Amino acid sequence: MKNEDIIAKINAFLVEEFEVEAEKITPNANLKETLSLDSLDYIDLVVVIESNFSFKVQPEDFVGIVTFQNFYDYVINKIHSKEVH
């Protein structure tokens, strides 16, 4: 799966699941603020990631994720490492 396709898929489910305008999702935007995430929303986000991309997410994985670009990089790295193994 190409990085552009992964990002497009992420953006599509974020718009649908979190009812955010697609224009607000930019690489440098703050993930938590843009999506208005609280602790329960993070659980929803984890479930959506796991069901869309078939890998397990650990809570500590979110420690360094601040922007959408951080989030994209995280998902892309997990997918590519899964493809290699």
C-alpha atoms as a PDB file:
ATOM      1  CA  MET A   1       0.000   0.000   0.000  1.00  0.00           C
ATOM      2  CA  LYS A   2       1.393   3.399  -0.993  1.00  0.00           C
ATOM      3  CA  ASN A   3       1.805   6.152   1.594  1.00  0.00           C
ATOM      4  CA  GLU A   4      -0.628   8.447  -0.260  1.00  0.00           C
ATOM      5  CA  ASP A   5      -3.283   5.713  -0.173  1.00  0.00           C
ATOM      6  CA  ILE A   6      -2.738   5.160   3.552  1.00  0.00           C
ATOM      7  CA  ILE A   7      -3.073   8.890   4.279  1.00  0.00           C
ATOM      8  CA  ALA A   8      -6.222   9.127   2.133  1.00  0.00           C
ATOM      9  CA  LYS A   9      -7.745   6.177   3.992  1.00  0.00           C
ATOM     10  CA  ILE A  10      -6.842   7.700   7.383  1.00  0.00           C
ATOM     11  CA  ASN A  11      -8.352  11.053   6.429  1.00  0.00           C
ATOM     12  CA  ALA A  12     -11.533   9.398   5.140  1.00  0.00           C
ATOM     13  CA  PHE A  13     -12.196   7.521   8.370  1.00  0.00           C
ATOM     14  CA  LEU A  14     -11.286  10.542  10.515  1.00  0.00           C
ATOM     15  CA  VAL A  15     -13.820  12.692   8.655  1.00  0.00           C
ATOM     16  CA  GLU A  16     -16.490  10.010   9.036  1.00  0.00           C
ATOM     17  CA  GLU A  17     -15.798   8.825  12.597  1.00  0.00           C
ATOM     18  CA  PHE A  18     -14.991  12.186  14.185  1.00  0.00           C
ATOM     19  CA  GLU A  19     -17.218  14.396  12.019  1.00  0.00           C
ATOM     20  CA  VAL A  20     -14.422  16.836  11.257  1.00  0.00           C
ATOM     21  CA  GLU A  21     -14.157  18.865   8.062  1.00  0.00           C
ATOM     22  CA  ALA A  22     -11.575  17.406   5.690  1.00  0.00           C
ATOM     23  CA  GLU A  23      -9.986  20.855   5.188  1.00  0.00           C
ATOM     24  CA  LYS A  24      -9.042  20.972   8.872  1.00  0.00           C
ATOM     25  CA  ILE A  25      -6.930  17.811   8.549  1.00  0.00           C
ATOM     26  CA  THR A  26      -3.503  19.058   7.545  1.00  0.00           C
ATOM     27  CA  PRO A  27      -0.112  17.473   8.284  1.00  0.00           C
ATOM     28  CA  ASN A  28       0.901  20.136  10.824  1.00  0.00           C
ATOM     29  CA  ALA A  29      -2.472  20.462  12.571  1.00  0.00           C
ATOM     30  CA  ASN A  30      -2.734  19.249  16.159  1.00  0.00           C
ATOM     31  CA  LEU A  31      -4.464  15.851  16.162  1.00  0.00           C
ATOM     32  CA  LYS A  32      -6.068  16.143  19.597  1.00  0.00           C
ATOM     33  CA  GLU A  33      -7.336  19.706  19.130  1.00  0.00           C
ATOM     34  CA  THR A  34      -8.566  19.263  15.555  1.00  0.00           C
ATOM     35  CA  LEU A  35     -10.510  16.104  16.384  1.00  0.00           C
ATOM     36  CA  SER A  36     -11.519  17.342  19.881  1.00  0.00           C
ATOM     37  CA  LEU A  37     -10.263  14.070  21.346  1.00  0.00           C
ATOM     38  CA  ASP A  38     -10.898  13.056  24.924  1.00  0.00           C
ATOM     39  CA  SER A  39      -9.791   9.791  26.504  1.00  0.00           C
ATOM     40  CA  LEU A  40     -12.807   7.873  25.160  1.00  0.00           C
ATOM     41  CA  ASP A  41     -12.218   9.248  21.667  1.00  0.00           C
ATOM     42  CA  TYR A  42      -8.689   7.854  21.760  1.00  0.00           C
ATOM     43  CA  ILE A  43     -10.198   4.417  22.349  1.00  0.00           C
ATOM     44  CA  ASP A  44     -12.456   4.930  19.329  1.00  0.00           C
ATOM     45  CA  LEU A  45      -9.451   6.041  17.299  1.00  0.00           C
ATOM     46  CA  VAL A  46      -7.511   2.909  18.293  1.00  0.00           C
ATOM     47  CA  VAL A  47     -10.443   0.666  17.347  1.00  0.00           C
ATOM     48  CA  VAL A  48     -10.788   2.378  13.962  1.00  0.00           C
ATOM     49  CA  ILE A  49      -7.051   2.053  13.259  1.00  0.00           C
ATOM     50  CA  GLU A  50      -6.967  -1.595  14.268  1.00  0.00           C
ATOM     51  CA  SER A  51     -10.031  -2.497  12.197  1.00  0.00           C
ATOM     52  CA  ASN A  52      -8.886  -0.549   9.109  1.00  0.00           C
ATOM     53  CA  PHE A  53      -5.224  -1.541   9.114  1.00  0.00           C
ATOM     54  CA  SER A  54      -5.130  -4.864  11.016  1.00  0.00           C
ATOM     55  CA  PHE A  55      -2.423  -4.133  13.570  1.00  0.00           C
ATOM     56  CA  LYS A  56      -2.494  -3.706  17.328  1.00  0.00           C
ATOM     57  CA  VAL A  57      -2.042  -0.257  18.846  1.00  0.00           C
ATOM     58  CA  GLN A  58      -0.446   0.163  22.267  1.00  0.00           C
ATOM     59  CA  PRO A  59      -1.499   3.166  24.399  1.00  0.00           C
ATOM     60  CA  GLU A  60       2.134   4.242  24.799  1.00  0.00           C
ATOM     61  CA  ASP A  61       2.385   4.520  20.992  1.00  0.00           C
ATOM     62  CA  PHE A  62       0.413   7.771  21.207  1.00  0.00           C
ATOM     63  CA  VAL A  63       2.932   9.509  23.492  1.00  0.00           C
ATOM     64  CA  GLY A  64       4.848  11.160  20.637  1.00  0.00           C
ATOM     65  CA  ILE A  65       1.889  11.769  18.355  1.00  0.00           C
ATOM     66  CA  VAL A  66       0.975  15.445  18.294  1.00  0.00           C
ATOM     67  CA  THR A  67       0.271  16.309  14.651  1.00  0.00           C
ATOM     68  CA  PHE A  68      -1.506  14.505  11.867  1.00  0.00           C
ATOM     69  CA  GLN A  69       1.906  13.968  10.239  1.00  0.00           C
ATOM     70  CA  ASN A  70       3.085  12.168  13.393  1.00  0.00           C
ATOM     71  CA  PHE A  71      -0.055  10.039  13.185  1.00  0.00           C
ATOM     72  CA  TYR A  72       0.418   9.296   9.472  1.00  0.00           C
ATOM     73  CA  ASP A  73       4.068   8.353  10.074  1.00  0.00           C
ATOM     74  CA  TYR A  74       3.078   6.053  12.934  1.00  0.00           C
ATOM     75  CA  VAL A  75       0.455   4.194  10.883  1.00  0.00           C
ATOM     76  CA  ILE A  76       2.673   4.031   7.775  1.00  0.00           C
ATOM     77  CA  ASN A  77       5.591   2.637   9.785  1.00  0.00           C
ATOM     78  CA  LYS A  78       3.366   0.023  11.440  1.00  0.00           C
ATOM     79  CA  ILE A  79       1.940  -1.070   8.078  1.00  0.00           C
ATOM     80  CA  HIS A  80       5.342  -1.260   6.376  1.00  0.00           C
ATOM     81  CA  SER A  81       6.910  -3.151   9.272  1.00  0.00           C
ATOM     82  CA  LYS A  82       3.986  -5.594   9.155  1.00  0.00           C
ATOM     83  CA  GLU A  83       4.487  -6.069   5.381  1.00  0.00           C
ATOM     84  CA  VAL A  84       8.177  -6.858   5.927  1.00  0.00           C
ATOM     85  CA  HIS A  85       7.563  -9.508   8.594  1.00  0.00           C
END
